[in-house]
Amino acid sequence: MTTFARYLWLLVAAIALPAWVHWPYVVGEIDLASVEIMTSTRFLFELALSTSFGFVLLVLPWSLWLRRRQRRRGVLPRDTWIAATATTLATLLGLHSNMTMYAPFYGNTWALWEPTFELFLPHALSVLAILALTIALEAIGAQRALRAGVSAAVSSGRS
């Protein structure tokens, strides 16, 4: 997958599930931090912003490094695992942060790890399905890149 495709997938994957889970409890309620009513636009913007931070921290550096490495050496099979690992970790980080950051809307007596156990782990099957789809999309992108690299090598006369 290209870096832009990874970013779009990360936005879709890390926003859809948390928005579906938290929408009825967060949108229209008063945000105690800013003492304003949480609008749907602001809610989706906050989800997208935190997901973008995960992308910038995890996916973008690896994507740029892989692109540089592939220009020098060509596409290698282990590049698939590196890209899939970085994208999967960014998706997991985005899902976890987006699922747990709205804990204050459910009350203000949360212990340190309680949002993870109460808001993130109950949706573990959905999270695992999203992570499996992320790995599958990375594998499909890697197959295409390998085929393009092999066909380019054959057309240029290298074997």
C-alpha atoms as a PDB file:
ATOM      1  CA  MET A   1       0.000   0.000   0.000  1.00  0.00           C
ATOM      2  CA  THR A   2       1.100   3.534  -0.555  1.00  0.00           C
ATOM      3  CA  THR A   3       1.589   5.886   2.368  1.00  0.00           C
ATOM      4  CA  PHE A   4      -1.565   7.802   1.467  1.00  0.00           C
ATOM      5  CA  ALA A   5      -3.587   4.566   1.291  1.00  0.00           C
ATOM      6  CA  ARG A   6      -2.218   3.552   4.695  1.00  0.00           C
ATOM      7  CA  TYR A   7      -3.282   6.903   6.128  1.00  0.00           C
ATOM      8  CA  LEU A   8      -6.793   6.651   4.681  1.00  0.00           C
ATOM      9  CA  TRP A   9      -7.185   3.109   5.972  1.00  0.00           C
ATOM     10  CA  LEU A  10      -5.918   4.134   9.391  1.00  0.00           C
ATOM     11  CA  LEU A  11      -8.398   7.003   9.531  1.00  0.00           C
ATOM     12  CA  VAL A  12     -11.310   4.769   8.555  1.00  0.00           C
ATOM     13  CA  ALA A  13     -10.325   1.899  10.858  1.00  0.00           C
ATOM     14  CA  ALA A  14      -9.447   3.944  13.928  1.00  0.00           C
ATOM     15  CA  ILE A  15     -12.443   6.276  13.698  1.00  0.00           C
ATOM     16  CA  ALA A  16     -15.339   4.006  12.699  1.00  0.00           C
ATOM     17  CA  LEU A  17     -15.380   1.675  15.722  1.00  0.00           C
ATOM     18  CA  PRO A  18     -14.833   4.346  18.419  1.00  0.00           C
ATOM     19  CA  ALA A  19     -17.416   6.619  16.782  1.00  0.00           C
ATOM     20  CA  TRP A  20     -19.925   3.770  16.672  1.00  0.00           C
ATOM     21  CA  VAL A  21     -19.288   2.893  20.333  1.00  0.00           C
ATOM     22  CA  HIS A  22     -19.156   6.380  21.849  1.00  0.00           C
ATOM     23  CA  TRP A  23     -21.528   8.399  19.651  1.00  0.00           C
ATOM     24  CA  PRO A  24     -24.694   8.071  21.779  1.00  0.00           C
ATOM     25  CA  TYR A  25     -22.812   8.782  25.021  1.00  0.00           C
ATOM     26  CA  VAL A  26     -20.546  11.631  23.896  1.00  0.00           C
ATOM     27  CA  VAL A  27     -22.223  13.692  21.160  1.00  0.00           C
ATOM     28  CA  GLY A  28     -24.550  16.255  22.670  1.00  0.00           C
ATOM     29  CA  GLU A  29     -23.104  15.915  26.170  1.00  0.00           C
ATOM     30  CA  ILE A  30     -21.117  18.549  28.029  1.00  0.00           C
ATOM     31  CA  ASP A  31     -17.344  18.169  27.821  1.00  0.00           C
ATOM     32  CA  LEU A  32     -16.132  18.943  31.326  1.00  0.00           C
ATOM     33  CA  ALA A  33     -12.638  19.875  30.134  1.00  0.00           C
ATOM     34  CA  SER A  34     -13.817  22.721  27.907  1.00  0.00           C
ATOM     35  CA  VAL A  35     -17.318  23.170  29.409  1.00  0.00           C
ATOM     36  CA  GLU A  36     -18.863  23.023  25.947  1.00  0.00           C
ATOM     37  CA  ILE A  37     -21.334  20.673  24.344  1.00  0.00           C
ATOM     38  CA  MET A  38     -19.578  18.023  22.249  1.00  0.00           C
ATOM     39  CA  THR A  39     -20.760  18.423  18.672  1.00  0.00           C
ATOM     40  CA  SER A  40     -20.526  15.666  16.093  1.00  0.00           C
ATOM     41  CA  THR A  41     -17.996  17.671  14.062  1.00  0.00           C
ATOM     42  CA  ARG A  42     -15.746  18.245  17.051  1.00  0.00           C
ATOM     43  CA  PHE A  43     -16.062  14.600  18.105  1.00  0.00           C
ATOM     44  CA  LEU A  44     -14.981  13.303  14.674  1.00  0.00           C
ATOM     45  CA  PHE A  45     -12.222  15.938  14.469  1.00  0.00           C
ATOM     46  CA  GLU A  46     -10.778  14.800  17.812  1.00  0.00           C
ATOM     47  CA  LEU A  47     -10.858  11.163  16.681  1.00  0.00           C
ATOM     48  CA  ALA A  48      -9.133  12.065  13.401  1.00  0.00           C
ATOM     49  CA  LEU A  49      -6.537  14.212  15.166  1.00  0.00           C
ATOM     50  CA  SER A  50      -5.495  11.493  17.610  1.00  0.00           C
ATOM     51  CA  THR A  51      -5.382   8.962  14.769  1.00  0.00           C
ATOM     52  CA  SER A  52      -3.190  11.318  12.740  1.00  0.00           C
ATOM     53  CA  PHE A  53      -0.733  11.508  15.631  1.00  0.00           C
ATOM     54  CA  GLY A  54      -0.458   7.707  15.586  1.00  0.00           C
ATOM     55  CA  PHE A  55       0.153   7.825  11.842  1.00  0.00           C
ATOM     56  CA  VAL A  56       2.868  10.465  12.129  1.00  0.00           C
ATOM     57  CA  LEU A  57       4.579   8.641  14.978  1.00  0.00           C
ATOM     58  CA  LEU A  58       4.452   5.077  13.660  1.00  0.00           C
ATOM     59  CA  VAL A  59       3.528   4.702   9.998  1.00  0.00           C
ATOM     60  CA  LEU A  60       5.067   7.708   8.277  1.00  0.00           C
ATOM     61  CA  PRO A  61       8.691   7.131   9.408  1.00  0.00           C
ATOM     62  CA  TRP A  62       8.532   3.435   8.498  1.00  0.00           C
ATOM     63  CA  SER A  63       6.929   4.169   5.138  1.00  0.00           C
ATOM     64  CA  LEU A  64       9.575   6.723   4.253  1.00  0.00           C
ATOM     65  CA  TRP A  65      12.356   4.391   5.393  1.00  0.00           C
ATOM     66  CA  LEU A  66      10.897   1.486   3.394  1.00  0.00           C
ATOM     67  CA  ARG A  67      10.539   3.640   0.280  1.00  0.00           C
ATOM     68  CA  ARG A  68      14.175   4.743   0.553  1.00  0.00           C
ATOM     69  CA  ARG A  69      15.314   1.182   1.133  1.00  0.00           C
ATOM     70  CA  GLN A  70      13.280  -0.162  -1.792  1.00  0.00           C
ATOM     71  CA  ARG A  71      14.791   2.412  -4.133  1.00  0.00           C
ATOM     72  CA  ARG A  72      18.260   1.242  -3.179  1.00  0.00           C
ATOM     73  CA  ARG A  73      17.760  -2.535  -2.997  1.00  0.00           C
ATOM     74  CA  GLY A  74      14.407  -3.276  -4.614  1.00  0.00           C
ATOM     75  CA  VAL A  75      11.360  -4.807  -2.990  1.00  0.00           C
ATOM     76  CA  LEU A  76      12.209  -7.531  -0.477  1.00  0.00           C
ATOM     77  CA  PRO A  77       9.722  -9.997   1.040  1.00  0.00           C
ATOM     78  CA  ARG A  78      10.454  -8.883   4.602  1.00  0.00           C
ATOM     79  CA  ASP A  79       9.367  -5.345   3.694  1.00  0.00           C
ATOM     80  CA  THR A  80       5.839  -6.707   3.845  1.00  0.00           C
ATOM     81  CA  TRP A  81       6.243  -7.665   7.466  1.00  0.00           C
ATOM     82  CA  ILE A  82       7.775  -4.325   8.389  1.00  0.00           C
ATOM     83  CA  ALA A  83       4.966  -2.372   6.727  1.00  0.00           C
ATOM     84  CA  ALA A  84       2.275  -4.653   8.144  1.00  0.00           C
ATOM     85  CA  THR A  85       3.726  -4.418  11.654  1.00  0.00           C
ATOM     86  CA  ALA A  86       3.973  -0.621  11.588  1.00  0.00           C
ATOM     87  CA  THR A  87       0.468  -0.184  10.179  1.00  0.00           C
ATOM     88  CA  THR A  88      -1.025  -2.733  12.585  1.00  0.00           C
ATOM     89  CA  LEU A  89       0.645  -1.089  15.580  1.00  0.00           C
ATOM     90  CA  ALA A  90      -0.572   2.332  14.473  1.00  0.00           C
ATOM     91  CA  THR A  91      -4.100   0.974  14.021  1.00  0.00           C
ATOM     92  CA  LEU A  92      -4.015  -0.669  17.447  1.00  0.00           C
ATOM     93  CA  LEU A  93      -2.682   2.523  19.040  1.00  0.00           C
ATOM     94  CA  GLY A  94      -5.324   4.604  17.266  1.00  0.00           C
ATOM     95  CA  LEU A  95      -8.126   2.268  18.307  1.00  0.00           C
ATOM     96  CA  HIS A  96      -6.952   2.095  21.904  1.00  0.00           C
ATOM     97  CA  SER A  97      -6.518   5.835  22.303  1.00  0.00           C
ATOM     98  CA  ASN A  98      -9.805   6.639  20.555  1.00  0.00           C
ATOM     99  CA  MET A  99     -11.709   4.065  22.611  1.00  0.00           C
ATOM    100  CA  THR A 100     -10.317   5.146  25.984  1.00  0.00           C
ATOM    101  CA  MET A 101     -10.020   8.927  25.612  1.00  0.00           C
ATOM    102  CA  TYR A 102     -13.744   9.474  26.202  1.00  0.00           C
ATOM    103  CA  ALA A 103     -13.835   7.734  29.576  1.00  0.00           C
ATOM    104  CA  PRO A 104     -14.699  10.983  31.446  1.00  0.00           C
ATOM    105  CA  PHE A 105     -18.049  11.049  29.626  1.00  0.00           C
ATOM    106  CA  TYR A 106     -18.940   7.824  31.442  1.00  0.00           C
ATOM    107  CA  GLY A 107     -18.034   9.198  34.875  1.00  0.00           C
ATOM    108  CA  ASN A 108     -14.977  10.628  36.588  1.00  0.00           C
ATOM    109  CA  THR A 109     -13.859   7.836  38.913  1.00  0.00           C
ATOM    110  CA  TRP A 110     -11.677   5.849  36.506  1.00  0.00           C
ATOM    111  CA  ALA A 111      -8.589   4.042  37.778  1.00  0.00           C
ATOM    112  CA  LEU A 112      -5.411   3.957  35.664  1.00  0.00           C
ATOM    113  CA  TRP A 113      -6.131   0.875  33.496  1.00  0.00           C
ATOM    114  CA  GLU A 114      -9.892   0.797  33.936  1.00  0.00           C
ATOM    115  CA  PRO A 115     -10.750   2.518  30.618  1.00  0.00           C
ATOM    116  CA  THR A 116      -8.784  -0.191  28.801  1.00  0.00           C
ATOM    117  CA  PHE A 117     -10.637  -2.976  30.588  1.00  0.00           C
ATOM    118  CA  GLU A 118     -14.069  -1.335  30.424  1.00  0.00           C
ATOM    119  CA  LEU A 119     -14.056   0.473  27.066  1.00  0.00           C
ATOM    120  CA  PHE A 120     -11.440  -1.250  24.883  1.00  0.00           C
ATOM    121  CA  LEU A 121     -11.386  -4.956  25.768  1.00  0.00           C
ATOM    122  CA  PRO A 122     -15.148  -5.541  25.479  1.00  0.00           C
ATOM    123  CA  HIS A 123     -14.752  -4.769  21.773  1.00  0.00           C
ATOM    124  CA  ALA A 124     -11.762  -7.075  21.325  1.00  0.00           C
ATOM    125  CA  LEU A 125     -13.396  -9.120  18.549  1.00  0.00           C
ATOM    126  CA  SER A 126     -14.063  -6.008  16.497  1.00  0.00           C
ATOM    127  CA  VAL A 127     -10.525  -4.773  17.142  1.00  0.00           C
ATOM    128  CA  LEU A 128      -9.061  -8.139  16.084  1.00  0.00           C
ATOM    129  CA  ALA A 129     -11.165  -8.112  12.909  1.00  0.00           C
ATOM    130  CA  ILE A 130      -9.903  -4.614  12.049  1.00  0.00           C
ATOM    131  CA  LEU A 131      -6.300  -5.671  12.724  1.00  0.00           C
ATOM    132  CA  ALA A 132      -6.699  -8.810  10.579  1.00  0.00           C
ATOM    133  CA  LEU A 133      -8.112  -6.698   7.751  1.00  0.00           C
ATOM    134  CA  THR A 134      -5.173  -4.303   8.127  1.00  0.00           C
ATOM    135  CA  ILE A 135      -2.697  -7.159   7.758  1.00  0.00           C
ATOM    136  CA  ALA A 136      -4.628  -8.535   4.760  1.00  0.00           C
ATOM    137  CA  LEU A 137      -4.591  -5.148   3.013  1.00  0.00           C
ATOM    138  CA  GLU A 138      -0.855  -4.843   3.630  1.00  0.00           C
ATOM    139  CA  ALA A 139      -0.320  -8.350   2.216  1.00  0.00           C
ATOM    140  CA  ILE A 140      -2.319  -7.514  -0.914  1.00  0.00           C
ATOM    141  CA  GLY A 141      -0.315  -4.319  -1.374  1.00  0.00           C
ATOM    142  CA  ALA A 142       2.929  -6.231  -0.905  1.00  0.00           C
ATOM    143  CA  GLN A 143       1.924  -8.859  -3.474  1.00  0.00           C
ATOM    144  CA  ARG A 144       1.287  -6.120  -6.013  1.00  0.00           C
ATOM    145  CA  ALA A 145       4.600  -4.429  -5.202  1.00  0.00           C
ATOM    146  CA  LEU A 146       6.491  -7.720  -5.567  1.00  0.00           C
ATOM    147  CA  ARG A 147       4.790  -8.445  -8.896  1.00  0.00           C
ATOM    148  CA  ALA A 148       5.585  -4.938 -10.135  1.00  0.00           C
ATOM    149  CA  GLY A 149       9.217  -5.320  -8.996  1.00  0.00           C
ATOM    150  CA  VAL A 150       9.587  -8.701 -10.702  1.00  0.00           C
ATOM    151  CA  SER A 151       7.963  -7.505 -13.937  1.00  0.00           C
ATOM    152  CA  ALA A 152      10.185  -4.400 -13.944  1.00  0.00           C
ATOM    153  CA  ALA A 153      13.276  -6.580 -13.489  1.00  0.00           C
ATOM    154  CA  VAL A 154      12.215  -8.918 -16.297  1.00  0.00           C
ATOM    155  CA  SER A 155      11.409  -6.055 -18.684  1.00  0.00           C
ATOM    156  CA  SER A 156      14.780  -4.392 -18.028  1.00  0.00           C
ATOM    157  CA  GLY A 157      16.642  -7.618 -18.787  1.00  0.00           C
ATOM    158  CA  ARG A 158      17.657  -8.534 -15.223  1.00  0.00           C
ATOM    159  CA  SER A 159      16.737 -11.889 -13.742  1.00  0.00           C
END
